[in-house]
Amino acid sequence: MEALKATLTTLLAGFKRRGDRIAAYGAAAKGSTLLNYFGIGLETLDFVVDRSPHKQGRFMPGVHIPIRAPERLLEEMPDEVLLLTWNFADEILEQQKAYRQLGGRFIIPVPDVKVA
């Protein structure tokens, strides 16, 4: 777990150093756990998107990052999106085809960190 933490936080820090805007996708409990355990907060992520209207307008527990609707990805076009619901990667990447076609990239943290 420590190797994953080091790899992911180093990658995110590199994106931030070059001025990239980073969001996250998925306000699930496992995503919140990852953010809190890895120490990833508002200094790194601008916002989180989630399809559930019950989560939109709220904040990620512990790190207080605002949760918005997925449409915000196309509206704000962050450079990268950290995928916090990695078990649905294929489905979400397909749903977010328009964002990806415009140059947006997803960071899939588990099982190994990769950018798609």
PDB file of N, CA and C in Angstrom:
ATOM      1  N   MET A   1       0.817  -1.192   0.000  1.00  0.00           N
ATOM      2  CA  MET A   1       0.000   0.000   0.000  1.00  0.00           C
ATOM      3  C   MET A   1       0.863   1.260   0.000  1.00  0.00           C
ATOM      4  N   GLU A   2       1.983   1.204   0.701  1.00  0.00           N
ATOM      5  CA  GLU A   2       2.865   2.375   0.751  1.00  0.00           C
ATOM      6  C   GLU A   2       3.482   2.678  -0.611  1.00  0.00           C
ATOM      7  N   ALA A   3       3.783   1.640  -1.382  1.00  0.00           N
ATOM      8  CA  ALA A   3       4.337   1.852  -2.721  1.00  0.00           C
ATOM      9  C   ALA A   3       3.300   2.506  -3.623  1.00  0.00           C
ATOM     10  N   LEU A   4       2.056   2.062  -3.522  1.00  0.00           N
ATOM     11  CA  LEU A   4       0.964   2.661  -4.305  1.00  0.00           C
ATOM     12  C   LEU A   4       0.779   4.120  -3.918  1.00  0.00           C
ATOM     13  N   LYS A   5       0.796   4.388  -2.613  1.00  0.00           N
ATOM     14  CA  LYS A   5       0.657   5.762  -2.126  1.00  0.00           C
ATOM     15  C   LYS A   5       1.768   6.651  -2.691  1.00  0.00           C
ATOM     16  N   ALA A   6       3.002   6.181  -2.628  1.00  0.00           N
ATOM     17  CA  ALA A   6       4.135   6.967  -3.124  1.00  0.00           C
ATOM     18  C   ALA A   6       4.019   7.208  -4.627  1.00  0.00           C
ATOM     19  N   THR A   7       3.669   6.185  -5.367  1.00  0.00           N
ATOM     20  CA  THR A   7       3.550   6.318  -6.822  1.00  0.00           C
ATOM     21  C   THR A   7       2.463   7.307  -7.192  1.00  0.00           C
ATOM     22  N   LEU A   8       1.283   7.162  -6.583  1.00  0.00           N
ATOM     23  CA  LEU A   8       0.158   8.021  -6.929  1.00  0.00           C
ATOM     24  C   LEU A   8       0.393   9.465  -6.508  1.00  0.00           C
ATOM     25  N   THR A   9       0.853   9.685  -5.294  1.00  0.00           N
ATOM     26  CA  THR A   9       1.049  11.062  -4.831  1.00  0.00           C
ATOM     27  C   THR A   9       2.173  11.755  -5.602  1.00  0.00           C
ATOM     28  N   THR A  10       3.201  11.022  -6.007  1.00  0.00           N
ATOM     29  CA  THR A  10       4.274  11.594  -6.821  1.00  0.00           C
ATOM     30  C   THR A  10       3.748  11.984  -8.199  1.00  0.00           C
ATOM     31  N   LEU A  11       2.934  11.125  -8.805  1.00  0.00           N
ATOM     32  CA  LEU A  11       2.341  11.427 -10.106  1.00  0.00           C
ATOM     33  C   LEU A  11       1.460  12.665 -10.025  1.00  0.00           C
ATOM     34  N   LEU A  12       0.582  12.715  -9.025  1.00  0.00           N
ATOM     35  CA  LEU A  12      -0.311  13.864  -8.864  1.00  0.00           C
ATOM     36  C   LEU A  12       0.476  15.149  -8.618  1.00  0.00           C
ATOM     37  N   ALA A  13       1.508  15.073  -7.794  1.00  0.00           N
ATOM     38  CA  ALA A  13       2.329  16.262  -7.505  1.00  0.00           C
ATOM     39  C   ALA A  13       3.007  16.767  -8.777  1.00  0.00           C
ATOM     40  N   GLY A  14       3.453  15.856  -9.624  1.00  0.00           N
ATOM     41  CA  GLY A  14       4.072  16.248 -10.885  1.00  0.00           C
ATOM     42  C   GLY A  14       3.082  16.965 -11.794  1.00  0.00           C
ATOM     43  N   PHE A  15       1.853  16.461 -11.857  1.00  0.00           N
ATOM     44  CA  PHE A  15       0.824  17.132 -12.659  1.00  0.00           C
ATOM     45  C   PHE A  15       0.540  18.524 -12.111  1.00  0.00           C
ATOM     46  N   LYS A  16       0.450  18.650 -10.802  1.00  0.00           N
ATOM     47  CA  LYS A  16       0.169  19.963 -10.195  1.00  0.00           C
ATOM     48  C   LYS A  16       1.324  20.942 -10.440  1.00  0.00           C
ATOM     49  N   ARG A  17       2.560  20.453 -10.352  1.00  0.00           N
ATOM     50  CA  ARG A  17       3.724  21.324 -10.583  1.00  0.00           C
ATOM     51  C   ARG A  17       3.708  21.930 -11.983  1.00  0.00           C
ATOM     52  N   ARG A  18       3.211  21.191 -12.944  1.00  0.00           N
ATOM     53  CA  ARG A  18       3.169  21.733 -14.305  1.00  0.00           C
ATOM     54  C   ARG A  18       1.907  22.552 -14.556  1.00  0.00           C
ATOM     55  N   GLY A  19       1.080  22.711 -13.522  1.00  0.00           N
ATOM     56  CA  GLY A  19      -0.086  23.581 -13.623  1.00  0.00           C
ATOM     57  C   GLY A  19      -1.376  22.906 -14.022  1.00  0.00           C
ATOM     58  N   ASP A  20      -1.402  21.585 -14.034  1.00  0.00           N
ATOM     59  CA  ASP A  20      -2.616  20.858 -14.401  1.00  0.00           C
ATOM     60  C   ASP A  20      -3.701  21.020 -13.352  1.00  0.00           C
ATOM     61  N   ARG A  21      -4.944  20.977 -13.827  1.00  0.00           N
ATOM     62  CA  ARG A  21      -6.111  20.931 -12.941  1.00  0.00           C
ATOM     63  C   ARG A  21      -6.530  19.471 -12.850  1.00  0.00           C
ATOM     64  N   ILE A  22      -6.804  19.004 -11.629  1.00  0.00           N
ATOM     65  CA  ILE A  22      -7.150  17.602 -11.405  1.00  0.00           C
ATOM     66  C   ILE A  22      -8.461  17.521 -10.646  1.00  0.00           C
ATOM     67  N   ALA A  23      -9.359  16.671 -11.127  1.00  0.00           N
ATOM     68  CA  ALA A  23     -10.614  16.368 -10.438  1.00  0.00           C
ATOM     69  C   ALA A  23     -10.578  14.887 -10.081  1.00  0.00           C
ATOM     70  N   ALA A  24     -11.650  14.414  -9.480  1.00  0.00           N
ATOM     71  CA  ALA A  24     -11.776  12.983  -9.182  1.00  0.00           C
ATOM     72  C   ALA A  24     -13.178  12.539  -9.577  1.00  0.00           C
ATOM     73  N   TYR A  25     -13.315  11.249  -9.846  1.00  0.00           N
ATOM     74  CA  TYR A  25     -14.614  10.680 -10.221  1.00  0.00           C
ATOM     75  C   TYR A  25     -14.971   9.602  -9.211  1.00  0.00           C
ATOM     76  N   GLY A  26     -16.152   9.759  -8.589  1.00  0.00           N
ATOM     77  CA  GLY A  26     -16.678   8.735  -7.689  1.00  0.00           C
ATOM     78  C   GLY A  26     -16.535   9.103  -6.231  1.00  0.00           C
ATOM     79  N   ALA A  27     -17.673   9.318  -5.581  1.00  0.00           N
ATOM     80  CA  ALA A  27     -17.670   9.683  -4.160  1.00  0.00           C
ATOM     81  C   ALA A  27     -18.004   8.486  -3.285  1.00  0.00           C
ATOM     82  N   ALA A  28     -17.510   7.321  -3.671  1.00  0.00           N
ATOM     83  CA  ALA A  28     -17.746   6.097  -2.894  1.00  0.00           C
ATOM     84  C   ALA A  28     -16.849   6.062  -1.653  1.00  0.00           C
ATOM     85  N   ALA A  29     -17.218   5.209  -0.717  1.00  0.00           N
ATOM     86  CA  ALA A  29     -16.467   5.102   0.537  1.00  0.00           C
ATOM     87  C   ALA A  29     -15.012   4.720   0.298  1.00  0.00           C
ATOM     88  N   LYS A  30     -14.763   3.803  -0.641  1.00  0.00           N
ATOM     89  CA  LYS A  30     -13.377   3.383  -0.872  1.00  0.00           C
ATOM     90  C   LYS A  30     -12.535   4.532  -1.419  1.00  0.00           C
ATOM     91  N   GLY A  31     -13.151   5.402  -2.224  1.00  0.00           N
ATOM     92  CA  GLY A  31     -12.443   6.574  -2.729  1.00  0.00           C
ATOM     93  C   GLY A  31     -12.108   7.550  -1.617  1.00  0.00           C
ATOM     94  N   SER A  32     -13.058   7.727  -0.724  1.00  0.00           N
ATOM     95  CA  SER A  32     -12.830   8.601   0.426  1.00  0.00           C
ATOM     96  C   SER A  32     -11.705   8.049   1.301  1.00  0.00           C
ATOM     97  N   THR A  33     -11.703   6.746   1.488  1.00  0.00           N
ATOM     98  CA  THR A  33     -10.653   6.101   2.276  1.00  0.00           C
ATOM     99  C   THR A  33      -9.289   6.327   1.627  1.00  0.00           C
ATOM    100  N   LEU A  34      -9.216   6.153   0.296  1.00  0.00           N
ATOM    101  CA  LEU A  34      -7.955   6.360  -0.414  1.00  0.00           C
ATOM    102  C   LEU A  34      -7.475   7.800  -0.242  1.00  0.00           C
ATOM    103  N   LEU A  35      -8.360   8.766  -0.455  1.00  0.00           N
ATOM    104  CA  LEU A  35      -7.966  10.174  -0.328  1.00  0.00           C
ATOM    105  C   LEU A  35      -7.456  10.485   1.078  1.00  0.00           C
ATOM    106  N   ASN A  36      -8.175  10.032   2.084  1.00  0.00           N
ATOM    107  CA  ASN A  36      -7.776  10.315   3.463  1.00  0.00           C
ATOM    108  C   ASN A  36      -6.483   9.602   3.846  1.00  0.00           C
ATOM    109  N   TYR A  37      -6.344   8.343   3.485  1.00  0.00           N
ATOM    110  CA  TYR A  37      -5.140   7.576   3.833  1.00  0.00           C
ATOM    111  C   TYR A  37      -3.907   8.112   3.106  1.00  0.00           C
ATOM    112  N   PHE A  38      -4.082   8.513   1.845  1.00  0.00           N
ATOM    113  CA  PHE A  38      -2.966   9.012   1.054  1.00  0.00           C
ATOM    114  C   PHE A  38      -2.705  10.493   1.283  1.00  0.00           C
ATOM    115  N   GLY A  39      -3.597  11.184   2.005  1.00  0.00           N
ATOM    116  CA  GLY A  39      -3.403  12.608   2.280  1.00  0.00           C
ATOM    117  C   GLY A  39      -3.627  13.482   1.063  1.00  0.00           C
ATOM    118  N   ILE A  40      -4.586  13.115   0.215  1.00  0.00           N
ATOM    119  CA  ILE A  40      -4.900  13.875  -0.993  1.00  0.00           C
ATOM    120  C   ILE A  40      -6.129  14.726  -0.718  1.00  0.00           C
ATOM    121  N   GLY A  41      -5.983  16.044  -0.844  1.00  0.00           N
ATOM    122  CA  GLY A  41      -7.086  16.944  -0.536  1.00  0.00           C
ATOM    123  C   GLY A  41      -7.214  18.057  -1.553  1.00  0.00           C
ATOM    124  N   LEU A  42      -7.718  19.195  -1.085  1.00  0.00           N
ATOM    125  CA  LEU A  42      -7.959  20.345  -1.962  1.00  0.00           C
ATOM    126  C   LEU A  42      -6.692  20.940  -2.571  1.00  0.00           C
ATOM    127  N   GLU A  43      -5.556  20.660  -1.991  1.00  0.00           N
ATOM    128  CA  GLU A  43      -4.306  21.144  -2.589  1.00  0.00           C
ATOM    129  C   GLU A  43      -4.020  20.429  -3.903  1.00  0.00           C
ATOM    130  N   THR A  44      -4.662  19.283  -4.102  1.00  0.00           N
ATOM    131  CA  THR A  44      -4.443  18.476  -5.301  1.00  0.00           C
ATOM    132  C   THR A  44      -5.674  18.411  -6.194  1.00  0.00           C
ATOM    133  N   LEU A  45      -6.829  18.167  -5.593  1.00  0.00           N
ATOM    134  CA  LEU A  45      -8.068  17.978  -6.355  1.00  0.00           C
ATOM    135  C   LEU A  45      -8.960  19.206  -6.265  1.00  0.00           C
ATOM    136  N   ASP A  46      -9.474  19.641  -7.410  1.00  0.00           N
ATOM    137  CA  ASP A  46     -10.363  20.805  -7.445  1.00  0.00           C
ATOM    138  C   ASP A  46     -11.791  20.447  -7.047  1.00  0.00           C
ATOM    139  N   PHE A  47     -12.234  19.266  -7.455  1.00  0.00           N
ATOM    140  CA  PHE A  47     -13.584  18.801  -7.130  1.00  0.00           C
ATOM    141  C   PHE A  47     -13.689  17.321  -7.448  1.00  0.00           C
ATOM    142  N   VAL A  48     -14.774  16.717  -6.984  1.00  0.00           N
ATOM    143  CA  VAL A  48     -15.101  15.315  -7.252  1.00  0.00           C
ATOM    144  C   VAL A  48     -16.442  15.312  -7.979  1.00  0.00           C
ATOM    145  N   VAL A  49     -16.613  14.419  -8.943  1.00  0.00           N
ATOM    146  CA  VAL A  49     -17.915  14.265  -9.575  1.00  0.00           C
ATOM    147  C   VAL A  49     -18.474  12.892  -9.233  1.00  0.00           C
ATOM    148  N   ASP A  50     -19.805  12.840  -9.148  1.00  0.00           N
ATOM    149  CA  ASP A  50     -20.486  11.577  -8.879  1.00  0.00           C
ATOM    150  C   ASP A  50     -21.862  11.632  -9.516  1.00  0.00           C
ATOM    151  N   ARG A  51     -22.319  10.519 -10.050  1.00  0.00           N
ATOM    152  CA  ARG A  51     -23.614  10.470 -10.734  1.00  0.00           C
ATOM    153  C   ARG A  51     -24.798  10.564  -9.772  1.00  0.00           C
ATOM    154  N   SER A  52     -24.594  10.259  -8.510  1.00  0.00           N
ATOM    155  CA  SER A  52     -25.692  10.268  -7.547  1.00  0.00           C
ATOM    156  C   SER A  52     -26.080  11.700  -7.170  1.00  0.00           C
ATOM    157  N   PRO A  53     -27.338  12.084  -7.467  1.00  0.00           N
ATOM    158  CA  PRO A  53     -27.775  13.428  -7.073  1.00  0.00           C
ATOM    159  C   PRO A  53     -27.794  13.617  -5.557  1.00  0.00           C
ATOM    160  N   HIS A  54     -27.821  12.510  -4.807  1.00  0.00           N
ATOM    161  CA  HIS A  54     -27.817  12.594  -3.337  1.00  0.00           C
ATOM    162  C   HIS A  54     -26.457  13.012  -2.793  1.00  0.00           C
ATOM    163  N   LYS A  55     -25.404  12.807  -3.576  1.00  0.00           N
ATOM    164  CA  LYS A  55     -24.051  13.183  -3.146  1.00  0.00           C
ATOM    165  C   LYS A  55     -23.647  14.564  -3.657  1.00  0.00           C
ATOM    166  N   GLN A  56     -24.226  14.966  -4.775  1.00  0.00           N
ATOM    167  CA  GLN A  56     -23.887  16.264  -5.376  1.00  0.00           C
ATOM    168  C   GLN A  56     -24.283  17.401  -4.433  1.00  0.00           C
ATOM    169  N   GLY A  57     -23.418  18.390  -4.339  1.00  0.00           N
ATOM    170  CA  GLY A  57     -23.653  19.507  -3.432  1.00  0.00           C
ATOM    171  C   GLY A  57     -23.131  19.247  -2.027  1.00  0.00           C
ATOM    172  N   ARG A  58     -22.593  18.082  -1.803  1.00  0.00           N
ATOM    173  CA  ARG A  58     -22.001  17.732  -0.502  1.00  0.00           C
ATOM    174  C   ARG A  58     -20.478  17.732  -0.637  1.00  0.00           C
ATOM    175  N   PHE A  59     -19.786  17.179   0.355  1.00  0.00           N
ATOM    176  CA  PHE A  59     -18.329  17.171   0.364  1.00  0.00           C
ATOM    177  C   PHE A  59     -17.809  15.788   0.700  1.00  0.00           C
ATOM    178  N   MET A  60     -16.632  15.459   0.176  1.00  0.00           N
ATOM    179  CA  MET A  60     -15.988  14.187   0.517  1.00  0.00           C
ATOM    180  C   MET A  60     -15.603  14.222   1.991  1.00  0.00           C
ATOM    181  N   PRO A  61     -15.956  13.177   2.739  1.00  0.00           N
ATOM    182  CA  PRO A  61     -15.645  13.137   4.166  1.00  0.00           C
ATOM    183  C   PRO A  61     -14.138  13.237   4.432  1.00  0.00           C
ATOM    184  N   GLY A  62     -13.797  14.027   5.416  1.00  0.00           N
ATOM    185  CA  GLY A  62     -12.408  14.149   5.856  1.00  0.00           C
ATOM    186  C   GLY A  62     -11.573  15.129   5.068  1.00  0.00           C
ATOM    187  N   VAL A  63     -11.759  15.198   3.753  1.00  0.00           N
ATOM    188  CA  VAL A  63     -10.925  16.073   2.927  1.00  0.00           C
ATOM    189  C   VAL A  63     -11.696  17.285   2.414  1.00  0.00           C
ATOM    190  N   HIS A  64     -12.998  17.298   2.599  1.00  0.00           N
ATOM    191  CA  HIS A  64     -13.870  18.436   2.317  1.00  0.00           C
ATOM    192  C   HIS A  64     -13.766  18.950   0.871  1.00  0.00           C
ATOM    193  N   ILE A  65     -13.685  18.022  -0.066  1.00  0.00           N
ATOM    194  CA  ILE A  65     -13.652  18.379  -1.490  1.00  0.00           C
ATOM    195  C   ILE A  65     -15.092  18.366  -1.995  1.00  0.00           C
ATOM    196  N   PRO A  66     -15.536  19.423  -2.687  1.00  0.00           N
ATOM    197  CA  PRO A  66     -16.922  19.472  -3.150  1.00  0.00           C
ATOM    198  C   PRO A  66     -17.238  18.397  -4.195  1.00  0.00           C
ATOM    199  N   ILE A  67     -18.464  17.868  -4.093  1.00  0.00           N
ATOM    200  CA  ILE A  67     -18.943  16.847  -5.028  1.00  0.00           C
ATOM    201  C   ILE A  67     -19.934  17.500  -5.986  1.00  0.00           C
ATOM    202  N   ARG A  68     -19.708  17.307  -7.269  1.00  0.00           N
ATOM    203  CA  ARG A  68     -20.531  17.918  -8.310  1.00  0.00           C
ATOM    204  C   ARG A  68     -21.039  16.847  -9.271  1.00  0.00           C
ATOM    205  N   ALA A  69     -21.863  17.252 -10.226  1.00  0.00           N
ATOM    206  CA  ALA A  69     -22.391  16.346 -11.248  1.00  0.00           C
ATOM    207  C   ALA A  69     -21.299  16.041 -12.279  1.00  0.00           C
ATOM    208  N   PRO A  70     -21.339  14.855 -12.899  1.00  0.00           N
ATOM    209  CA  PRO A  70     -20.325  14.485 -13.894  1.00  0.00           C
ATOM    210  C   PRO A  70     -20.225  15.441 -15.081  1.00  0.00           C
ATOM    211  N   GLU A  71     -21.292  16.152 -15.391  1.00  0.00           N
ATOM    212  CA  GLU A  71     -21.275  17.115 -16.495  1.00  0.00           C
ATOM    213  C   GLU A  71     -20.213  18.187 -16.303  1.00  0.00           C
ATOM    214  N   ARG A  72     -19.815  18.400 -15.067  1.00  0.00           N
ATOM    215  CA  ARG A  72     -18.791  19.417 -14.776  1.00  0.00           C
ATOM    216  C   ARG A  72     -17.448  19.080 -15.425  1.00  0.00           C
ATOM    217  N   LEU A  73     -17.215  17.804 -15.717  1.00  0.00           N
ATOM    218  CA  LEU A  73     -15.958  17.449 -16.371  1.00  0.00           C
ATOM    219  C   LEU A  73     -15.857  18.131 -17.733  1.00  0.00           C
ATOM    220  N   LEU A  74     -16.937  18.099 -18.500  1.00  0.00           N
ATOM    221  CA  LEU A  74     -16.930  18.751 -19.813  1.00  0.00           C
ATOM    222  C   LEU A  74     -16.958  20.270 -19.686  1.00  0.00           C
ATOM    223  N   GLU A  75     -17.643  20.769 -18.665  1.00  0.00           N
ATOM    224  CA  GLU A  75     -17.738  22.218 -18.476  1.00  0.00           C
ATOM    225  C   GLU A  75     -16.396  22.816 -18.059  1.00  0.00           C
ATOM    226  N   GLU A  76     -15.694  22.147 -17.163  1.00  0.00           N
ATOM    227  CA  GLU A  76     -14.455  22.703 -16.606  1.00  0.00           C
ATOM    228  C   GLU A  76     -13.189  22.109 -17.213  1.00  0.00           C
ATOM    229  N   MET A  77     -13.310  20.973 -17.860  1.00  0.00           N
ATOM    230  CA  MET A  77     -12.203  20.286 -18.525  1.00  0.00           C
ATOM    231  C   MET A  77     -10.911  20.242 -17.700  1.00  0.00           C
ATOM    232  N   PRO A  78     -10.952  19.579 -16.525  1.00  0.00           N
ATOM    233  CA  PRO A  78      -9.686  19.374 -15.824  1.00  0.00           C
ATOM    234  C   PRO A  78      -8.770  18.521 -16.698  1.00  0.00           C
ATOM    235  N   ASP A  79      -7.484  18.674 -16.519  1.00  0.00           N
ATOM    236  CA  ASP A  79      -6.522  17.932 -17.341  1.00  0.00           C
ATOM    237  C   ASP A  79      -6.569  16.437 -17.057  1.00  0.00           C
ATOM    238  N   GLU A  80      -6.697  16.096 -15.774  1.00  0.00           N
ATOM    239  CA  GLU A  80      -6.769  14.696 -15.359  1.00  0.00           C
ATOM    240  C   GLU A  80      -7.909  14.514 -14.370  1.00  0.00           C
ATOM    241  N   VAL A  81      -8.396  13.276 -14.321  1.00  0.00           N
ATOM    242  CA  VAL A  81      -9.428  12.889 -13.358  1.00  0.00           C
ATOM    243  C   VAL A  81      -8.966  11.614 -12.668  1.00  0.00           C
ATOM    244  N   LEU A  82      -8.834  11.681 -11.352  1.00  0.00           N
ATOM    245  CA  LEU A  82      -8.465  10.514 -10.554  1.00  0.00           C
ATOM    246  C   LEU A  82      -9.701   9.649 -10.377  1.00  0.00           C
ATOM    247  N   LEU A  83      -9.661   8.429 -10.843  1.00  0.00           N
ATOM    248  CA  LEU A  83     -10.815   7.538 -10.783  1.00  0.00           C
ATOM    249  C   LEU A  83     -10.861   6.834  -9.425  1.00  0.00           C
ATOM    250  N   LEU A  84     -11.808   7.249  -8.589  1.00  0.00           N
ATOM    251  CA  LEU A  84     -11.935   6.692  -7.243  1.00  0.00           C
ATOM    252  C   LEU A  84     -12.841   5.469  -7.201  1.00  0.00           C
ATOM    253  N   THR A  85     -13.482   5.162  -8.311  1.00  0.00           N
ATOM    254  CA  THR A  85     -14.303   3.950  -8.428  1.00  0.00           C
ATOM    255  C   THR A  85     -13.677   3.057  -9.498  1.00  0.00           C
ATOM    256  N   TRP A  86     -12.440   2.659  -9.232  1.00  0.00           N
ATOM    257  CA  TRP A  86     -11.622   1.930 -10.198  1.00  0.00           C
ATOM    258  C   TRP A  86     -12.224   0.601 -10.619  1.00  0.00           C
ATOM    259  N   ASN A  87     -13.109   0.016  -9.799  1.00  0.00           N
ATOM    260  CA  ASN A  87     -13.734  -1.250 -10.175  1.00  0.00           C
ATOM    261  C   ASN A  87     -14.731  -1.076 -11.327  1.00  0.00           C
ATOM    262  N   PHE A  88     -15.106   0.153 -11.651  1.00  0.00           N
ATOM    263  CA  PHE A  88     -15.994   0.441 -12.777  1.00  0.00           C
ATOM    264  C   PHE A  88     -15.254   1.198 -13.880  1.00  0.00           C
ATOM    265  N   ALA A  89     -13.947   1.019 -13.972  1.00  0.00           N
ATOM    266  CA  ALA A  89     -13.130   1.805 -14.901  1.00  0.00           C
ATOM    267  C   ALA A  89     -13.632   1.710 -16.340  1.00  0.00           C
ATOM    268  N   ASP A  90     -13.864   0.519 -16.841  1.00  0.00           N
ATOM    269  CA  ASP A  90     -14.279   0.379 -18.242  1.00  0.00           C
ATOM    270  C   ASP A  90     -15.582   1.113 -18.513  1.00  0.00           C
ATOM    271  N   GLU A  91     -16.544   0.951 -17.628  1.00  0.00           N
ATOM    272  CA  GLU A  91     -17.848   1.599 -17.785  1.00  0.00           C
ATOM    273  C   GLU A  91     -17.721   3.124 -17.743  1.00  0.00           C
ATOM    274  N   ILE A  92     -16.964   3.639 -16.793  1.00  0.00           N
ATOM    275  CA  ILE A  92     -16.826   5.093 -16.643  1.00  0.00           C
ATOM    276  C   ILE A  92     -16.035   5.694 -17.799  1.00  0.00           C
ATOM    277  N   LEU A  93     -14.992   5.023 -18.232  1.00  0.00           N
ATOM    278  CA  LEU A  93     -14.231   5.532 -19.368  1.00  0.00           C
ATOM    279  C   LEU A  93     -15.111   5.607 -20.610  1.00  0.00           C
ATOM    280  N   GLU A  94     -16.002   4.657 -20.778  1.00  0.00           N
ATOM    281  CA  GLU A  94     -16.931   4.692 -21.903  1.00  0.00           C
ATOM    282  C   GLU A  94     -17.933   5.836 -21.734  1.00  0.00           C
ATOM    283  N   GLN A  95     -18.469   5.998 -20.519  1.00  0.00           N
ATOM    284  CA  GLN A  95     -19.431   7.083 -20.254  1.00  0.00           C
ATOM    285  C   GLN A  95     -18.797   8.450 -20.488  1.00  0.00           C
ATOM    286  N   GLN A  96     -17.530   8.567 -20.217  1.00  0.00           N
ATOM    287  CA  GLN A  96     -16.831   9.849 -20.315  1.00  0.00           C
ATOM    288  C   GLN A  96     -16.031   9.965 -21.615  1.00  0.00           C
ATOM    289  N   LYS A  97     -16.518   9.327 -22.653  1.00  0.00           N
ATOM    290  CA  LYS A  97     -15.852   9.314 -23.953  1.00  0.00           C
ATOM    291  C   LYS A  97     -15.646  10.740 -24.494  1.00  0.00           C
ATOM    292  N   ALA A  98     -16.658  11.594 -24.380  1.00  0.00           N
ATOM    293  CA  ALA A  98     -16.556  12.967 -24.896  1.00  0.00           C
ATOM    294  C   ALA A  98     -15.443  13.729 -24.175  1.00  0.00           C
ATOM    295  N   TYR A  99     -15.347  13.585 -22.863  1.00  0.00           N
ATOM    296  CA  TYR A  99     -14.289  14.237 -22.086  1.00  0.00           C
ATOM    297  C   TYR A  99     -12.913  13.754 -22.566  1.00  0.00           C
ATOM    298  N   ARG A 100     -12.791  12.456 -22.762  1.00  0.00           N
ATOM    299  CA  ARG A 100     -11.517  11.878 -23.198  1.00  0.00           C
ATOM    300  C   ARG A 100     -11.167  12.303 -24.623  1.00  0.00           C
ATOM    301  N   GLN A 101     -12.164  12.399 -25.488  1.00  0.00           N
ATOM    302  CA  GLN A 101     -11.912  12.818 -26.869  1.00  0.00           C
ATOM    303  C   GLN A 101     -11.420  14.267 -26.939  1.00  0.00           C
ATOM    304  N   LEU A 102     -11.786  15.065 -25.952  1.00  0.00           N
ATOM    305  CA  LEU A 102     -11.334  16.452 -25.891  1.00  0.00           C
ATOM    306  C   LEU A 102      -9.965  16.593 -25.216  1.00  0.00           C
ATOM    307  N   GLY A 103      -9.361  15.466 -24.869  1.00  0.00           N
ATOM    308  CA  GLY A 103      -8.010  15.491 -24.305  1.00  0.00           C
ATOM    309  C   GLY A 103      -7.921  15.192 -22.820  1.00  0.00           C
ATOM    310  N   GLY A 104      -9.063  15.001 -22.163  1.00  0.00           N
ATOM    311  CA  GLY A 104      -9.051  14.673 -20.743  1.00  0.00           C
ATOM    312  C   GLY A 104      -8.512  13.266 -20.509  1.00  0.00           C
ATOM    313  N   ARG A 105      -7.821  13.089 -19.398  1.00  0.00           N
ATOM    314  CA  ARG A 105      -7.218  11.788 -19.089  1.00  0.00           C
ATOM    315  C   ARG A 105      -7.657  11.319 -17.710  1.00  0.00           C
ATOM    316  N   PHE A 106      -7.798  10.015 -17.574  1.00  0.00           N
ATOM    317  CA  PHE A 106      -8.139   9.418 -16.295  1.00  0.00           C
ATOM    318  C   PHE A 106      -6.911   8.769 -15.680  1.00  0.00           C
ATOM    319  N   ILE A 107      -6.776   8.944 -14.377  1.00  0.00           N
ATOM    320  CA  ILE A 107      -5.735   8.266 -13.609  1.00  0.00           C
ATOM    321  C   ILE A 107      -6.432   7.125 -12.876  1.00  0.00           C
ATOM    322  N   ILE A 108      -6.047   5.902 -13.203  1.00  0.00           N
ATOM    323  CA  ILE A 108      -6.629   4.725 -12.547  1.00  0.00           C
ATOM    324  C   ILE A 108      -5.611   4.249 -11.525  1.00  0.00           C
ATOM    325  N   PRO A 109      -5.949   4.342 -10.212  1.00  0.00           N
ATOM    326  CA  PRO A 109      -4.939   4.081  -9.185  1.00  0.00           C
ATOM    327  C   PRO A 109      -4.738   2.613  -8.803  1.00  0.00           C
ATOM    328  N   VAL A 110      -5.717   1.758  -9.077  1.00  0.00           N
ATOM    329  CA  VAL A 110      -5.666   0.371  -8.593  1.00  0.00           C
ATOM    330  C   VAL A 110      -5.984  -0.560  -9.750  1.00  0.00           C
ATOM    331  N   PRO A 111      -5.298  -1.695  -9.923  1.00  0.00           N
ATOM    332  CA  PRO A 111      -4.280  -2.260  -9.034  1.00  0.00           C
ATOM    333  C   PRO A 111      -2.906  -1.595  -9.178  1.00  0.00           C
ATOM    334  N   ASP A 112      -2.625  -1.045 -10.353  1.00  0.00           N
ATOM    335  CA  ASP A 112      -1.385  -0.296 -10.569  1.00  0.00           C
ATOM    336  C   ASP A 112      -1.752   1.061 -11.149  1.00  0.00           C
ATOM    337  N   VAL A 113      -1.033   2.077 -10.771  1.00  0.00           N
ATOM    338  CA  VAL A 113      -1.324   3.429 -11.243  1.00  0.00           C
ATOM    339  C   VAL A 113      -1.055   3.494 -12.747  1.00  0.00           C
ATOM    340  N   LYS A 114      -2.087   3.938 -13.489  1.00  0.00           N
ATOM    341  CA  LYS A 114      -1.914   4.155 -14.929  1.00  0.00           C
ATOM    342  C   LYS A 114      -2.772   5.329 -15.366  1.00  0.00           C
ATOM    343  N   VAL A 115      -2.376   5.959 -16.449  1.00  0.00           N
ATOM    344  CA  VAL A 115      -3.100   7.081 -17.014  1.00  0.00           C
ATOM    345  C   VAL A 115      -3.701   6.619 -18.334  1.00  0.00           C
ATOM    346  N   ALA A 116      -5.038   6.815 -18.455  1.00  0.00           N
ATOM    347  CA  ALA A 116      -5.735   6.355 -19.664  1.00  0.00           C
ATOM    348  C   ALA A 116      -6.447   7.514 -20.318  1.00  0.00           C
TER     349      ALA A 116
END
